[in-house]
Amino acid sequence: MARTMEPLAKKIFKGVLVVELVGVFGAYFLFNKMNTSQDFRQTMSKKFPFILEVYYKSIEQSGMYGVREQDQEKWLNSKN
C-alpha cells in the first residue's frame, strides 16, 4: 500500500510547492508595485484597504515612516 501512495504524495508535494512559489512571487510583485506607485496604492486603498494597511505596517516596521501621511496628503489635495 505504501508503494502506491508514493507517486500521489510526490504529486501533492509538487503541487503545494508550486502554489507556495506562486504565492511568494505574487506577494513580491504586489509589494513592489505598491512600493513604486502612489497611484496603485490609491487604487488599493479603495479596493483592498486591509492589504494597504499591511503594506504600511511592514514598511513602518522596517523604519520607513511618512509614506502613509504623504499618500493621505496627496489624495486629499487631489480631491480639492
C-alpha atoms as a PDB file:
ATOM      1  CA  MET A   1       0.000   0.000   0.000  1.00  0.00           C
ATOM      2  CA  ALA A   2       2.829   2.431   0.805  1.00  0.00           C
ATOM      3  CA  ARG A   3       4.329   1.915  -2.635  1.00  0.00           C
ATOM      4  CA  THR A   4       1.167   3.034  -4.412  1.00  0.00           C
ATOM      5  CA  MET A   5       0.952   6.204  -2.305  1.00  0.00           C
ATOM      6  CA  GLU A   6       4.429   7.478  -3.251  1.00  0.00           C
ATOM      7  CA  PRO A   7       3.510   8.871  -6.694  1.00  0.00           C
ATOM      8  CA  LEU A   8       0.433  10.558  -5.227  1.00  0.00           C
ATOM      9  CA  ALA A   9       2.469  12.044  -2.386  1.00  0.00           C
ATOM     10  CA  LYS A  10       5.036  13.377  -4.860  1.00  0.00           C
ATOM     11  CA  LYS A  11       2.307  14.998  -6.959  1.00  0.00           C
ATOM     12  CA  ILE A  12       0.762  16.593  -3.882  1.00  0.00           C
ATOM     13  CA  PHE A  13       4.172  17.841  -2.721  1.00  0.00           C
ATOM     14  CA  LYS A  14       4.935  19.333  -6.134  1.00  0.00           C
ATOM     15  CA  GLY A  15       1.510  20.987  -6.248  1.00  0.00           C
ATOM     16  CA  VAL A  16       1.975  22.530  -2.801  1.00  0.00           C
ATOM     17  CA  LEU A  17       5.457  23.719  -3.784  1.00  0.00           C
ATOM     18  CA  VAL A  18       4.148  25.369  -6.963  1.00  0.00           C
ATOM     19  CA  VAL A  19       1.317  27.079  -5.060  1.00  0.00           C
ATOM     20  CA  GLU A  20       3.794  28.413  -2.476  1.00  0.00           C
ATOM     21  CA  LEU A  21       6.152  29.729  -5.165  1.00  0.00           C
ATOM     22  CA  VAL A  22       3.287  31.459  -6.972  1.00  0.00           C
ATOM     23  CA  GLY A  23       2.240  32.999  -3.647  1.00  0.00           C
ATOM     24  CA  VAL A  24       5.738  34.261  -2.863  1.00  0.00           C
ATOM     25  CA  PHE A  25       6.233  35.778  -6.310  1.00  0.00           C
ATOM     26  CA  GLY A  26       2.726  37.262  -6.234  1.00  0.00           C
ATOM     27  CA  ALA A  27       3.384  38.873  -2.860  1.00  0.00           C
ATOM     28  CA  TYR A  28       6.705  40.246  -4.105  1.00  0.00           C
ATOM     29  CA  PHE A  29       5.079  41.679  -7.240  1.00  0.00           C
ATOM     30  CA  LEU A  30       2.283  43.274  -5.213  1.00  0.00           C
ATOM     31  CA  PHE A  31       4.687  44.770  -2.666  1.00  0.00           C
ATOM     32  CA  ASN A  32       6.991  46.083  -5.398  1.00  0.00           C
ATOM     33  CA  LYS A  33       4.070  47.653  -7.277  1.00  0.00           C
ATOM     34  CA  MET A  34       2.772  49.338  -4.119  1.00  0.00           C
ATOM     35  CA  ASN A  35       6.274  50.464  -3.181  1.00  0.00           C
ATOM     36  CA  THR A  36       6.856  52.210  -6.515  1.00  0.00           C
ATOM     37  CA  SER A  37       3.432  53.631  -7.416  1.00  0.00           C
ATOM     38  CA  GLN A  38       1.414  56.010  -5.291  1.00  0.00           C
ATOM     39  CA  ASP A  39      -1.461  55.757  -7.760  1.00  0.00           C
ATOM     40  CA  PHE A  40      -1.531  51.982  -7.321  1.00  0.00           C
ATOM     41  CA  ARG A  41      -1.626  52.461  -3.544  1.00  0.00           C
ATOM     42  CA  GLN A  42      -4.655  54.732  -4.023  1.00  0.00           C
ATOM     43  CA  THR A  43      -6.361  52.021  -6.054  1.00  0.00           C
ATOM     44  CA  MET A  44      -5.527  49.502  -3.344  1.00  0.00           C
ATOM     45  CA  SER A  45      -6.951  51.835  -0.688  1.00  0.00           C
ATOM     46  CA  LYS A  46     -10.291  51.826  -2.492  1.00  0.00           C
ATOM     47  CA  LYS A  47     -10.477  48.130  -3.352  1.00  0.00           C
ATOM     48  CA  PHE A  48      -8.395  46.349  -0.685  1.00  0.00           C
ATOM     49  CA  PRO A  49      -7.701  48.674   2.258  1.00  0.00           C
ATOM     50  CA  PHE A  50      -6.612  45.797   4.517  1.00  0.00           C
ATOM     51  CA  ILE A  51      -3.778  44.889   2.117  1.00  0.00           C
ATOM     52  CA  LEU A  52      -2.643  48.508   2.008  1.00  0.00           C
ATOM     53  CA  GLU A  53      -2.646  48.545   5.820  1.00  0.00           C
ATOM     54  CA  VAL A  54      -0.336  45.513   5.836  1.00  0.00           C
ATOM     55  CA  TYR A  55       1.949  47.336   3.397  1.00  0.00           C
ATOM     56  CA  TYR A  56       2.082  50.444   5.607  1.00  0.00           C
ATOM     57  CA  LYS A  57       2.749  48.366   8.727  1.00  0.00           C
ATOM     58  CA  SER A  58       5.547  46.420   7.031  1.00  0.00           C
ATOM     59  CA  ILE A  59       7.403  49.489   5.794  1.00  0.00           C
ATOM     60  CA  GLU A  60       6.967  51.225   9.148  1.00  0.00           C
ATOM     61  CA  GLN A  61       8.384  48.095  10.795  1.00  0.00           C
ATOM     62  CA  SER A  62      11.425  48.405   8.534  1.00  0.00           C
ATOM     63  CA  GLY A  63      11.975  52.013   9.611  1.00  0.00           C
ATOM     64  CA  MET A  64      10.457  53.943   6.706  1.00  0.00           C
ATOM     65  CA  TYR A  65       7.986  56.441   8.127  1.00  0.00           C
ATOM     66  CA  GLY A  66       5.826  59.076   6.466  1.00  0.00           C
ATOM     67  CA  VAL A  67       4.604  57.180   3.400  1.00  0.00           C
ATOM     68  CA  ARG A  68       1.083  56.862   4.766  1.00  0.00           C
ATOM     69  CA  GLU A  69       0.966  60.575   5.567  1.00  0.00           C
ATOM     70  CA  GLN A  70       2.311  61.547   2.138  1.00  0.00           C
ATOM     71  CA  ASP A  71      -0.312  59.385   0.456  1.00  0.00           C
ATOM     72  CA  GLN A  72      -3.160  60.802   2.522  1.00  0.00           C
ATOM     73  CA  GLU A  73      -1.999  64.360   1.910  1.00  0.00           C
ATOM     74  CA  LYS A  74      -1.780  63.880  -1.852  1.00  0.00           C
ATOM     75  CA  TRP A  75      -5.143  62.132  -2.028  1.00  0.00           C
ATOM     76  CA  LEU A  76      -6.818  64.893  -0.020  1.00  0.00           C
ATOM     77  CA  ASN A  77      -5.256  67.590  -2.225  1.00  0.00           C
ATOM     78  CA  SER A  78      -6.335  65.812  -5.403  1.00  0.00           C
ATOM     79  CA  LYS A  79      -9.965  65.788  -4.212  1.00  0.00           C
ATOM     80  CA  ASN A  80      -9.982  69.573  -3.804  1.00  0.00           C
END
